[in-house]
PDB file of N, CA and C in Angstrom:
ATOM      1  N   UNK A   1      14.266  -6.059  -2.070  1.00  0.00           N
ATOM      2  CA  UNK A   1      13.972  -5.612  -0.803  1.00  0.00           C
ATOM      3  C   UNK A   1      12.210  -6.725  -0.746  1.00  0.00           C
ATOM      4  N   UNK A   2      11.128  -6.580  -2.157  1.00  0.00           N
ATOM      5  CA  UNK A   2      10.408  -7.859  -1.553  1.00  0.00           C
ATOM      6  C   UNK A   2       9.720  -8.894  -1.751  1.00  0.00           C
ATOM      7  N   UNK A   3      11.066  -8.930  -2.164  1.00  0.00           N
ATOM      8  CA  UNK A   3      11.325 -10.672  -2.576  1.00  0.00           C
ATOM      9  C   UNK A   3      11.126 -11.849  -1.864  1.00  0.00           C
ATOM     10  N   UNK A   4      11.268 -11.048  -0.654  1.00  0.00           N
ATOM     11  CA  UNK A   4      11.505 -12.755   0.643  1.00  0.00           C
ATOM     12  C   UNK A   4       9.916 -12.007   0.853  1.00  0.00           C
ATOM     13  N   UNK A   5       8.768 -11.264   0.993  1.00  0.00           N
ATOM     14  CA  UNK A   5       8.110 -11.335   1.587  1.00  0.00           C
ATOM     15  C   UNK A   5       7.080 -13.034   1.376  1.00  0.00           C
ATOM     16  N   UNK A   6       6.044 -13.403   2.501  1.00  0.00           N
ATOM     17  CA  UNK A   6       5.356 -14.344   1.961  1.00  0.00           C
ATOM     18  C   UNK A   6       4.461 -13.864   1.086  1.00  0.00           C
ATOM     19  N   UNK A   7       3.278 -14.641   0.582  1.00  0.00           N
ATOM     20  CA  UNK A   7       2.142 -14.403   0.139  1.00  0.00           C
ATOM     21  C   UNK A   7       0.899 -13.617   0.951  1.00  0.00           C
ATOM     22  N   UNK A   8       1.284 -13.869   2.385  1.00  0.00           N
ATOM     23  CA  UNK A   8       0.447 -13.197   3.123  1.00  0.00           C
ATOM     24  C   UNK A   8       0.508 -11.585   3.528  1.00  0.00           C
ATOM     25  N   UNK A   9       2.325 -11.151   2.969  1.00  0.00           N
ATOM     26  CA  UNK A   9       2.991 -10.242   3.357  1.00  0.00           C
ATOM     27  C   UNK A   9       2.571  -9.206   2.345  1.00  0.00           C
ATOM     28  N   UNK A  10       2.735  -9.868   0.983  1.00  0.00           N
ATOM     29  CA  UNK A  10       2.700  -9.083  -0.160  1.00  0.00           C
ATOM     30  C   UNK A  10       1.446  -8.793  -0.682  1.00  0.00           C
ATOM     31  N   UNK A  11       0.211  -9.842  -0.020  1.00  0.00           N
ATOM     32  CA  UNK A  11      -1.008  -8.340  -0.270  1.00  0.00           C
ATOM     33  C   UNK A  11      -1.214  -7.910   1.052  1.00  0.00           C
ATOM     34  N   UNK A  12      -0.931  -7.897   2.174  1.00  0.00           N
ATOM     35  CA  UNK A  12      -1.281  -7.222   3.320  1.00  0.00           C
ATOM     36  C   UNK A  12      -0.443  -5.964   2.753  1.00  0.00           C
ATOM     37  N   UNK A  13       1.171  -5.734   1.996  1.00  0.00           N
ATOM     38  CA  UNK A  13       1.107  -4.895   1.131  1.00  0.00           C
ATOM     39  C   UNK A  13       0.331  -4.329   0.062  1.00  0.00           C
ATOM     40  N   UNK A  14      -0.010  -4.927  -0.492  1.00  0.00           N
ATOM     41  CA  UNK A  14      -0.984  -4.489  -1.364  1.00  0.00           C
ATOM     42  C   UNK A  14      -2.229  -3.129  -1.491  1.00  0.00           C
ATOM     43  N   UNK A  15      -3.031  -4.014   0.467  1.00  0.00           N
ATOM     44  CA  UNK A  15      -3.731  -3.304   0.670  1.00  0.00           C
ATOM     45  C   UNK A  15      -3.067  -2.422   1.434  1.00  0.00           C
ATOM     46  N   UNK A  16      -2.201  -2.484   1.957  1.00  0.00           N
ATOM     47  CA  UNK A  16      -1.996  -0.617   2.558  1.00  0.00           C
ATOM     48  C   UNK A  16      -1.844   0.403   1.296  1.00  0.00           C
ATOM     49  N   UNK A  17      -0.872  -0.061   0.475  1.00  0.00           N
ATOM     50  CA  UNK A  17      -0.716   0.609  -0.601  1.00  0.00           C
ATOM     51  C   UNK A  17      -2.000   0.999  -1.272  1.00  0.00           C
ATOM     52  N   UNK A  18      -3.562  -0.059  -1.475  1.00  0.00           N
ATOM     53  CA  UNK A  18      -4.702   0.265  -1.760  1.00  0.00           C
ATOM     54  C   UNK A  18      -5.173   1.580  -0.924  1.00  0.00           C
ATOM     55  N   UNK A  19      -4.547   1.070   0.555  1.00  0.00           N
ATOM     56  CA  UNK A  19      -5.793   2.091   1.492  1.00  0.00           C
ATOM     57  C   UNK A  19      -5.012   3.091   1.588  1.00  0.00           C
ATOM     58  N   UNK A  20      -3.743   3.649   0.810  1.00  0.00           N
ATOM     59  CA  UNK A  20      -3.091   4.467   0.870  1.00  0.00           C
ATOM     60  C   UNK A  20      -3.784   5.578  -0.434  1.00  0.00           C
ATOM     61  N   UNK A  21      -3.691   4.708  -1.048  1.00  0.00           N
ATOM     62  CA  UNK A  21      -3.921   5.493  -2.047  1.00  0.00           C
ATOM     63  C   UNK A  21      -5.696   6.395  -2.819  1.00  0.00           C
ATOM     64  N   UNK A  22      -6.277   5.719  -1.217  1.00  0.00           N
ATOM     65  CA  UNK A  22      -7.423   6.198  -1.451  1.00  0.00           C
ATOM     66  C   UNK A  22      -7.776   7.488  -0.509  1.00  0.00           C
ATOM     67  N   UNK A  23      -6.397   7.591   0.476  1.00  0.00           N
ATOM     68  CA  UNK A  23      -6.794   8.858   1.550  1.00  0.00           C
ATOM     69  C   UNK A  23      -7.223  10.140   0.558  1.00  0.00           C
ATOM     70  N   UNK A  24      -7.418  10.036  -0.414  1.00  0.00           N
ATOM     71  CA  UNK A  24      -7.603  11.789  -0.388  1.00  0.00           C
ATOM     72  C   UNK A  24      -9.030  11.787  -1.238  1.00  0.00           C
ATOM     73  N   UNK A  25      -9.677  10.499  -1.421  1.00  0.00           N
ATOM     74  CA  UNK A  25     -11.325   9.861  -1.935  1.00  0.00           C
ATOM     75  C   UNK A  25     -11.076   9.327  -3.296  1.00  0.00           C
ATOM     76  N   UNK A  26      -9.689   8.873  -3.824  1.00  0.00           N
ATOM     77  CA  UNK A  26      -9.755   8.921  -5.128  1.00  0.00           C
ATOM     78  C   UNK A  26      -8.235   8.478  -5.252  1.00  0.00           C
ATOM     79  N   UNK A  27      -8.257   7.221  -6.394  1.00  0.00           N
ATOM     80  CA  UNK A  27      -6.581   7.227  -7.235  1.00  0.00           C
ATOM     81  C   UNK A  27      -6.698   7.213  -8.388  1.00  0.00           C
ATOM     82  N   UNK A  28      -5.567   8.015  -8.656  1.00  0.00           N
ATOM     83  CA  UNK A  28      -5.386   8.781  -9.360  1.00  0.00           C
ATOM     84  C   UNK A  28      -4.890   8.162 -10.552  1.00  0.00           C
ATOM     85  N   UNK A  29      -4.717   7.973 -11.646  1.00  0.00           N
ATOM     86  CA  UNK A  29      -4.147   6.845 -12.729  1.00  0.00           C
ATOM     87  C   UNK A  29      -2.363   6.402 -12.291  1.00  0.00           C
ATOM     88  N   UNK A  30      -2.076   7.405 -12.234  1.00  0.00           N
ATOM     89  CA  UNK A  30      -0.527   7.159 -11.731  1.00  0.00           C
ATOM     90  C   UNK A  30       0.129   6.253 -10.386  1.00  0.00           C
ATOM     91  N   UNK A  31      -1.167   6.417  -9.914  1.00  0.00           N
ATOM     92  CA  UNK A  31      -0.965   5.569  -7.995  1.00  0.00           C
ATOM     93  C   UNK A  31      -1.134   4.379  -8.688  1.00  0.00           C
ATOM     94  N   UNK A  32      -2.469   4.056  -9.852  1.00  0.00           N
ATOM     95  CA  UNK A  32      -2.949   2.558  -9.719  1.00  0.00           C
ATOM     96  C   UNK A  32      -1.959   2.081 -10.221  1.00  0.00           C
ATOM     97  N   UNK A  33      -0.840   2.907 -11.033  1.00  0.00           N
ATOM     98  CA  UNK A  33       0.158   2.553 -12.411  1.00  0.00           C
ATOM     99  C   UNK A  33       1.179   1.823 -11.607  1.00  0.00           C
ATOM    100  N   UNK A  34       1.068   2.869 -10.074  1.00  0.00           N
ATOM    101  CA  UNK A  34       3.036   1.944  -9.316  1.00  0.00           C
ATOM    102  C   UNK A  34       1.943   0.767  -8.457  1.00  0.00           C
ATOM    103  N   UNK A  35       0.582   0.700  -8.141  1.00  0.00           N
ATOM    104  CA  UNK A  35      -0.316  -0.387  -7.837  1.00  0.00           C
ATOM    105  C   UNK A  35       0.297  -1.250  -8.625  1.00  0.00           C
ATOM    106  N   UNK A  36      -0.021  -1.107  -9.749  1.00  0.00           N
ATOM    107  CA  UNK A  36       0.234  -2.777 -11.269  1.00  0.00           C
ATOM    108  C   UNK A  36       1.320  -2.584 -11.097  1.00  0.00           C
ATOM    109  N   UNK A  37       3.027  -1.981 -11.284  1.00  0.00           N
ATOM    110  CA  UNK A  37       4.185  -2.309 -11.109  1.00  0.00           C
ATOM    111  C   UNK A  37       4.418  -3.493  -9.883  1.00  0.00           C
ATOM    112  N   UNK A  38       3.410  -3.197  -8.501  1.00  0.00           N
ATOM    113  CA  UNK A  38       4.346  -3.524  -7.797  1.00  0.00           C
ATOM    114  C   UNK A  38       3.629  -5.001  -7.696  1.00  0.00           C
ATOM    115  N   UNK A  39       2.130  -5.109  -7.776  1.00  0.00           N
ATOM    116  CA  UNK A  39       1.732  -6.651  -8.569  1.00  0.00           C
ATOM    117  C   UNK A  39       2.602  -7.230  -9.388  1.00  0.00           C
ATOM    118  N   UNK A  40       2.984  -6.329 -10.707  1.00  0.00           N
ATOM    119  CA  UNK A  40       3.983  -7.460 -11.159  1.00  0.00           C
ATOM    120  C   UNK A  40       5.261  -7.877 -10.788  1.00  0.00           C
ATOM    121  N   UNK A  41       5.664  -6.554  -9.962  1.00  0.00           N
ATOM    122  CA  UNK A  41       7.099  -7.536  -9.306  1.00  0.00           C
ATOM    123  C   UNK A  41       6.387  -8.033  -8.018  1.00  0.00           C
ATOM    124  N   UNK A  42       5.446  -8.616  -7.829  1.00  0.00           N
ATOM    125  CA  UNK A  42       5.303  -9.589  -7.065  1.00  0.00           C
ATOM    126  C   UNK A  42       5.058 -10.730  -7.122  1.00  0.00           C
ATOM    127  N   UNK A  43       4.517 -10.786  -8.928  1.00  0.00           N
ATOM    128  CA  UNK A  43       3.948 -12.201  -8.899  1.00  0.00           C
ATOM    129  C   UNK A  43       2.946 -12.674  -8.516  1.00  0.00           C
ATOM    130  N   UNK A  44       2.141 -12.201  -8.242  1.00  0.00           N
ATOM    131  CA  UNK A  44       1.132 -12.102  -7.664  1.00  0.00           C
ATOM    132  C   UNK A  44      -0.393 -13.440  -8.479  1.00  0.00           C
ATOM    133  N   UNK A  45      -1.002 -14.387  -7.684  1.00  0.00           N
ATOM    134  CA  UNK A  45      -1.575 -15.116  -8.398  1.00  0.00           C
ATOM    135  C   UNK A  45      -3.054 -14.060  -8.636  1.00  0.00           C
ATOM    136  N   UNK A  46      -4.048 -14.445 -10.050  1.00  0.00           N
ATOM    137  CA  UNK A  46      -5.002 -14.330 -10.436  1.00  0.00           C
ATOM    138  C   UNK A  46      -5.702 -13.673  -9.724  1.00  0.00           C
ATOM    139  N   UNK A  47      -6.140 -14.831  -8.207  1.00  0.00           N
ATOM    140  CA  UNK A  47      -7.188 -14.435  -6.820  1.00  0.00           C
ATOM    141  C   UNK A  47      -6.727 -13.011  -6.137  1.00  0.00           C
ATOM    142  N   UNK A  48      -5.765 -12.873  -6.296  1.00  0.00           N
ATOM    143  CA  UNK A  48      -4.875 -11.756  -5.317  1.00  0.00           C
ATOM    144  C   UNK A  48      -5.103 -10.995  -6.646  1.00  0.00           C
ATOM    145  N   UNK A  49      -4.743 -10.790  -7.580  1.00  0.00           N
ATOM    146  CA  UNK A  49      -4.385  -9.499  -8.223  1.00  0.00           C
ATOM    147  C   UNK A  49      -6.079  -9.459  -8.565  1.00  0.00           C
ATOM    148  N   UNK A  50      -7.133 -10.156  -8.206  1.00  0.00           N
ATOM    149  CA  UNK A  50      -8.820  -9.405  -8.144  1.00  0.00           C
ATOM    150  C   UNK A  50      -9.156  -8.131  -7.307  1.00  0.00           C
ATOM    151  N   UNK A  51      -7.728  -8.943  -5.903  1.00  0.00           N
ATOM    152  CA  UNK A  51      -8.293  -9.108  -4.943  1.00  0.00           C
ATOM    153  C   UNK A  51      -8.178  -7.447  -4.702  1.00  0.00           C
ATOM    154  N   UNK A  52      -6.665  -7.191  -5.023  1.00  0.00           N
ATOM    155  CA  UNK A  52      -6.200  -6.191  -4.715  1.00  0.00           C
ATOM    156  C   UNK A  52      -6.972  -5.132  -5.721  1.00  0.00           C
ATOM    157  N   UNK A  53      -6.761  -5.494  -7.167  1.00  0.00           N
ATOM    158  CA  UNK A  53      -8.300  -4.694  -7.925  1.00  0.00           C
ATOM    159  C   UNK A  53      -9.826  -4.114  -7.436  1.00  0.00           C
ATOM    160  N   UNK A  54      -9.900  -4.883  -6.707  1.00  0.00           N
ATOM    161  CA  UNK A  54     -10.987  -4.918  -6.235  1.00  0.00           C
ATOM    162  C   UNK A  54     -10.650  -3.630  -5.017  1.00  0.00           C
ATOM    163  N   UNK A  55      -9.757  -3.469  -3.881  1.00  0.00           N
ATOM    164  CA  UNK A  55      -9.354  -2.665  -3.177  1.00  0.00           C
ATOM    165  C   UNK A  55      -9.031  -1.530  -4.114  1.00  0.00           C
ATOM    166  N   UNK A  56      -8.932  -1.597  -5.169  1.00  0.00           N
ATOM    167  CA  UNK A  56      -8.744  -0.224  -5.880  1.00  0.00           C
ATOM    168  C   UNK A  56      -9.818   0.593  -6.710  1.00  0.00           C
ATOM    169  N   UNK A  57     -10.794  -0.068  -6.668  1.00  0.00           N
ATOM    170  CA  UNK A  57     -12.435   0.091  -6.952  1.00  0.00           C
ATOM    171  C   UNK A  57     -13.570   0.620  -5.204  1.00  0.00           C
ATOM    172  N   UNK A  58     -13.150  -0.073  -4.331  1.00  0.00           N
ATOM    173  CA  UNK A  58     -13.534   0.486  -2.579  1.00  0.00           C
ATOM    174  C   UNK A  58     -12.503   0.224  -2.011  1.00  0.00           C
ATOM    175  N   UNK A  59     -12.660   1.008  -1.512  1.00  0.00           N
ATOM    176  CA  UNK A  59     -11.069   1.430  -0.521  1.00  0.00           C
ATOM    177  C   UNK A  59     -10.911   0.041   0.845  1.00  0.00           C
ATOM    178  N   UNK A  60      -9.967  -0.544   1.191  1.00  0.00           N
ATOM    179  CA  UNK A  60     -10.439  -1.129   2.354  1.00  0.00           C
ATOM    180  C   UNK A  60     -10.647  -0.383   3.421  1.00  0.00           C
ATOM    181  N   UNK A  61     -11.569  -1.230   4.306  1.00  0.00           N
ATOM    182  CA  UNK A  61     -11.741  -0.372   5.595  1.00  0.00           C
ATOM    183  C   UNK A  61     -10.419  -0.195   6.618  1.00  0.00           C
ATOM    184  N   UNK A  62     -10.748   0.942   6.634  1.00  0.00           N
ATOM    185  CA  UNK A  62      -9.213   1.820   7.671  1.00  0.00           C
ATOM    186  C   UNK A  62      -8.743   0.687   8.822  1.00  0.00           C
ATOM    187  N   UNK A  63      -9.384  -0.009   9.286  1.00  0.00           N
ATOM    188  CA  UNK A  63      -9.037  -0.480  10.990  1.00  0.00           C
ATOM    189  C   UNK A  63      -8.238  -1.716   9.806  1.00  0.00           C
ATOM    190  N   UNK A  64      -8.767  -2.241   8.829  1.00  0.00           N
ATOM    191  CA  UNK A  64      -7.847  -4.052   8.505  1.00  0.00           C
ATOM    192  C   UNK A  64      -6.453  -3.542   8.240  1.00  0.00           C
ATOM    193  N   UNK A  65      -6.033  -2.142   8.102  1.00  0.00           N
ATOM    194  CA  UNK A  65      -4.958  -1.831   7.832  1.00  0.00           C
ATOM    195  C   UNK A  65      -4.294  -1.344   9.501  1.00  0.00           C
ATOM    196  N   UNK A  66      -3.832  -1.740   9.920  1.00  0.00           N
ATOM    197  CA  UNK A  66      -3.046  -1.390  11.129  1.00  0.00           C
ATOM    198  C   UNK A  66      -1.468  -1.773  11.328  1.00  0.00           C
ATOM    199  N   UNK A  67      -0.785  -0.853  11.482  1.00  0.00           N
ATOM    200  CA  UNK A  67       0.415  -0.982  12.109  1.00  0.00           C
ATOM    201  C   UNK A  67       0.812  -2.205  12.664  1.00  0.00           C
ATOM    202  N   UNK A  68       0.258  -3.047  13.575  1.00  0.00           N
ATOM    203  CA  UNK A  68       0.289  -4.267  14.368  1.00  0.00           C
ATOM    204  C   UNK A  68       0.525  -4.958  13.510  1.00  0.00           C
ATOM    205  N   UNK A  69      -0.071  -4.905  11.934  1.00  0.00           N
ATOM    206  CA  UNK A  69      -0.384  -6.307  11.430  1.00  0.00           C
ATOM    207  C   UNK A  69       0.948  -6.425  10.586  1.00  0.00           C
ATOM    208  N   UNK A  70       1.961  -5.362  10.381  1.00  0.00           N
ATOM    209  CA  UNK A  70       3.207  -5.328   9.368  1.00  0.00           C
ATOM    210  C   UNK A  70       4.343  -6.379  10.650  1.00  0.00           C
ATOM    211  N   UNK A  71       4.790  -6.862   9.906  1.00  0.00           N
ATOM    212  CA  UNK A  71       5.976  -7.825  10.547  1.00  0.00           C
ATOM    213  C   UNK A  71       7.304  -7.169  10.645  1.00  0.00           C
ATOM    214  N   UNK A  72       7.549  -7.411  12.057  1.00  0.00           N
ATOM    215  CA  UNK A  72       8.937  -6.391  11.984  1.00  0.00           C
ATOM    216  C   UNK A  72       9.841  -6.061  11.127  1.00  0.00           C
ATOM    217  N   UNK A  73      10.466  -7.409  10.774  1.00  0.00           N
ATOM    218  CA  UNK A  73      11.303  -7.324   9.509  1.00  0.00           C
ATOM    219  C   UNK A  73      10.755  -6.785   8.109  1.00  0.00           C
ATOM    220  N   UNK A  74       9.550  -6.262   8.389  1.00  0.00           N
ATOM    221  CA  UNK A  74       9.200  -5.896   6.769  1.00  0.00           C
ATOM    222  C   UNK A  74       8.863  -4.277   7.292  1.00  0.00           C
ATOM    223  N   UNK A  75       9.083  -4.004   7.913  1.00  0.00           N
ATOM    224  CA  UNK A  75       8.532  -2.699   8.458  1.00  0.00           C
ATOM    225  C   UNK A  75       8.927  -1.316   7.243  1.00  0.00           C
ATOM    226  N   UNK A  76      10.499  -1.170   7.023  1.00  0.00           N
ATOM    227  CA  UNK A  76      11.282  -0.541   6.604  1.00  0.00           C
ATOM    228  C   UNK A  76      11.142  -0.683   5.335  1.00  0.00           C
ATOM    229  N   UNK A  77      10.748  -1.931   4.265  1.00  0.00           N
ATOM    230  CA  UNK A  77      10.392  -1.941   3.326  1.00  0.00           C
ATOM    231  C   UNK A  77       8.576  -1.284   2.718  1.00  0.00           C
ATOM    232  N   UNK A  78       7.910  -1.500   3.463  1.00  0.00           N
ATOM    233  CA  UNK A  78       6.565  -0.464   3.641  1.00  0.00           C
ATOM    234  C   UNK A  78       6.388   0.587   3.916  1.00  0.00           C
ATOM    235  N   UNK A  79       6.910   0.920   4.516  1.00  0.00           N
ATOM    236  CA  UNK A  79       7.369   2.380   4.691  1.00  0.00           C
ATOM    237  C   UNK A  79       7.549   2.991   3.121  1.00  0.00           C
ATOM    238  N   UNK A  80       8.899   2.555   2.827  1.00  0.00           N
ATOM    239  CA  UNK A  80       9.181   2.997   1.359  1.00  0.00           C
ATOM    240  C   UNK A  80       8.542   2.756   0.124  1.00  0.00           C
ATOM    241  N   UNK A  81       8.018   1.823   0.579  1.00  0.00           N
ATOM    242  CA  UNK A  81       6.887   1.527  -0.303  1.00  0.00           C
ATOM    243  C   UNK A  81       5.993   2.252  -0.604  1.00  0.00           C
ATOM    244  N   UNK A  82       5.517   2.545   0.750  1.00  0.00           N
ATOM    245  CA  UNK A  82       3.922   3.503  -0.093  1.00  0.00           C
ATOM    246  C   UNK A  82       4.466   4.820   0.429  1.00  0.00           C
ATOM    247  N   UNK A  83       5.821   5.025   0.458  1.00  0.00           N
ATOM    248  CA  UNK A  83       6.149   6.314   0.508  1.00  0.00           C
ATOM    249  C   UNK A  83       6.035   6.802  -1.393  1.00  0.00           C
ATOM    250  N   UNK A  84       6.817   5.540  -1.965  1.00  0.00           N
ATOM    251  CA  UNK A  84       6.956   5.965  -3.786  1.00  0.00           C
ATOM    252  C   UNK A  84       5.184   6.272  -4.109  1.00  0.00           C
ATOM    253  N   UNK A  85       4.558   5.437  -3.864  1.00  0.00           N
ATOM    254  CA  UNK A  85       2.651   5.558  -3.646  1.00  0.00           C
ATOM    255  C   UNK A  85       2.602   6.849  -3.460  1.00  0.00           C
ATOM    256  N   UNK A  86       2.748   7.298  -2.466  1.00  0.00           N
ATOM    257  CA  UNK A  86       2.017   9.057  -1.687  1.00  0.00           C
ATOM    258  C   UNK A  86       2.579  10.122  -3.215  1.00  0.00           C
ATOM    259  N   UNK A  87       4.038   9.805  -3.448  1.00  0.00           N
ATOM    260  CA  UNK A  87       4.240  10.646  -4.227  1.00  0.00           C
ATOM    261  C   UNK A  87       4.562  10.069  -6.349  1.00  0.00           C
ATOM    262  N   UNK A  88       3.925   9.339  -6.077  1.00  0.00           N
ATOM    263  CA  UNK A  88       3.369   8.719  -7.235  1.00  0.00           C
ATOM    264  C   UNK A  88       2.979  10.067  -8.150  1.00  0.00           C
ATOM    265  N   UNK A  89       1.984  10.314  -7.559  1.00  0.00           N
ATOM    266  CA  UNK A  89       0.737  11.403  -8.358  1.00  0.00           C
ATOM    267  C   UNK A  89       1.623  12.934  -8.912  1.00  0.00           C
ATOM    268  N   UNK A  90       2.769  12.716  -7.304  1.00  0.00           N
ATOM    269  CA  UNK A  90       3.341  13.821  -8.179  1.00  0.00           C
ATOM    270  C   UNK A  90       2.670  15.025  -6.942  1.00  0.00           C
ATOM    271  N   UNK A  91       1.972  14.628  -6.329  1.00  0.00           N
ATOM    272  CA  UNK A  91       1.362  15.705  -4.865  1.00  0.00           C
ATOM    273  C   UNK A  91       0.655  14.747  -3.815  1.00  0.00           C
ATOM    274  N   UNK A  92       1.100  15.500  -2.876  1.00  0.00           N
ATOM    275  CA  UNK A  92       0.891  15.066  -1.362  1.00  0.00           C
ATOM    276  C   UNK A  92       0.425  16.369  -0.709  1.00  0.00           C
ATOM    277  N   UNK A  93      -1.381  15.594  -0.775  1.00  0.00           N
ATOM    278  CA  UNK A  93      -1.841  16.197   0.074  1.00  0.00           C
ATOM    279  C   UNK A  93      -1.759  16.150   2.187  1.00  0.00           C
ATOM    280  N   UNK A  94      -2.209  17.141   2.583  1.00  0.00           N
ATOM    281  CA  UNK A  94      -2.178  17.295   4.291  1.00  0.00           C
ATOM    282  C   UNK A  94      -2.552  15.842   4.798  1.00  0.00           C
ATOM    283  N   UNK A  95      -3.785  15.077   4.102  1.00  0.00           N
ATOM    284  CA  UNK A  95      -4.544  14.031   4.534  1.00  0.00           C
ATOM    285  C   UNK A  95      -3.146  12.901   4.110  1.00  0.00           C
ATOM    286  N   UNK A  96      -2.623  13.056   3.492  1.00  0.00           N
ATOM    287  CA  UNK A  96      -2.055  12.100   2.780  1.00  0.00           C
ATOM    288  C   UNK A  96      -0.809  11.524   3.411  1.00  0.00           C
ATOM    289  N   UNK A  97      -0.391  13.283   3.891  1.00  0.00           N
ATOM    290  CA  UNK A  97       1.152  13.287   5.174  1.00  0.00           C
ATOM    291  C   UNK A  97       1.191  12.701   6.421  1.00  0.00           C
ATOM    292  N   UNK A  98      -0.281  13.160   6.768  1.00  0.00           N
ATOM    293  CA  UNK A  98      -0.633  12.798   7.933  1.00  0.00           C
ATOM    294  C   UNK A  98      -0.646  11.826   8.164  1.00  0.00           C
ATOM    295  N   UNK A  99      -1.728  10.891   7.609  1.00  0.00           N
ATOM    296  CA  UNK A  99      -1.878   9.218   7.477  1.00  0.00           C
ATOM    297  C   UNK A  99      -0.547   9.086   7.186  1.00  0.00           C
ATOM    298  N   UNK A 100       0.630   9.440   6.356  1.00  0.00           N
ATOM    299  CA  UNK A 100       1.720   8.332   6.406  1.00  0.00           C
ATOM    300  C   UNK A 100       3.061   8.728   7.721  1.00  0.00           C
ATOM    301  N   UNK A 101       3.067   9.545   8.166  1.00  0.00           N
ATOM    302  CA  UNK A 101       3.998  10.391   9.508  1.00  0.00           C
ATOM    303  C   UNK A 101       3.634   9.330  10.454  1.00  0.00           C
ATOM    304  N   UNK A 102       1.983   8.945  11.173  1.00  0.00           N
ATOM    305  CA  UNK A 102       1.324   8.144  11.522  1.00  0.00           C
ATOM    306  C   UNK A 102       1.475   6.767  11.435  1.00  0.00           C
ATOM    307  N   UNK A 103       1.929   5.881  10.156  1.00  0.00           N
ATOM    308  CA  UNK A 103       2.030   4.711  10.063  1.00  0.00           C
ATOM    309  C   UNK A 103       3.806   4.576  10.498  1.00  0.00           C
ATOM    310  N   UNK A 104       4.267   5.790   9.420  1.00  0.00           N
ATOM    311  CA  UNK A 104       5.816   6.235   9.884  1.00  0.00           C
ATOM    312  C   UNK A 104       6.436   5.999  11.512  1.00  0.00           C
ATOM    313  N   UNK A 105       5.715   6.687  12.417  1.00  0.00           N
ATOM    314  CA  UNK A 105       5.361   6.400  13.803  1.00  0.00           C
ATOM    315  C   UNK A 105       5.269   5.498  14.317  1.00  0.00           C
ATOM    316  N   UNK A 106       4.181   5.018  13.999  1.00  0.00           N
ATOM    317  CA  UNK A 106       3.494   3.276  14.520  1.00  0.00           C
ATOM    318  C   UNK A 106       4.726   2.514  14.090  1.00  0.00           C
ATOM    319  N   UNK A 107       5.412   2.852  12.963  1.00  0.00           N
ATOM    320  CA  UNK A 107       6.331   1.212  12.594  1.00  0.00           C
ATOM    321  C   UNK A 107       7.485   1.444  12.842  1.00  0.00           C
ATOM    322  N   UNK A 108       8.537   3.110  13.951  1.00  0.00           N
ATOM    323  CA  UNK A 108       9.933   3.161  13.499  1.00  0.00           C
ATOM    324  C   UNK A 108       9.775   2.407  15.039  1.00  0.00           C
TER     325      UNK A 108
END
């Protein structure tokens, strides 16, 4: 599903993942591990990995992750990967659920 992403699309997905991980104002170890797993699967460059690690330390600005940025052909993959992230720590709070539902509606 993620294998045909361009380098820009891979980084955009990871930016979305980091933004969602920060929704409840903290990134759990399980969320961090999930994002590391996705990074490993996408074979990122060292610079790209550094960028993602920066987003794990300081959340991306909410205005930098908008549904309009997601290519139509990757919308389902974004939704499914973000859904997996928010469930990865075993707890989905109401704010995470609300943000996810808004993104899902915007991408559908």
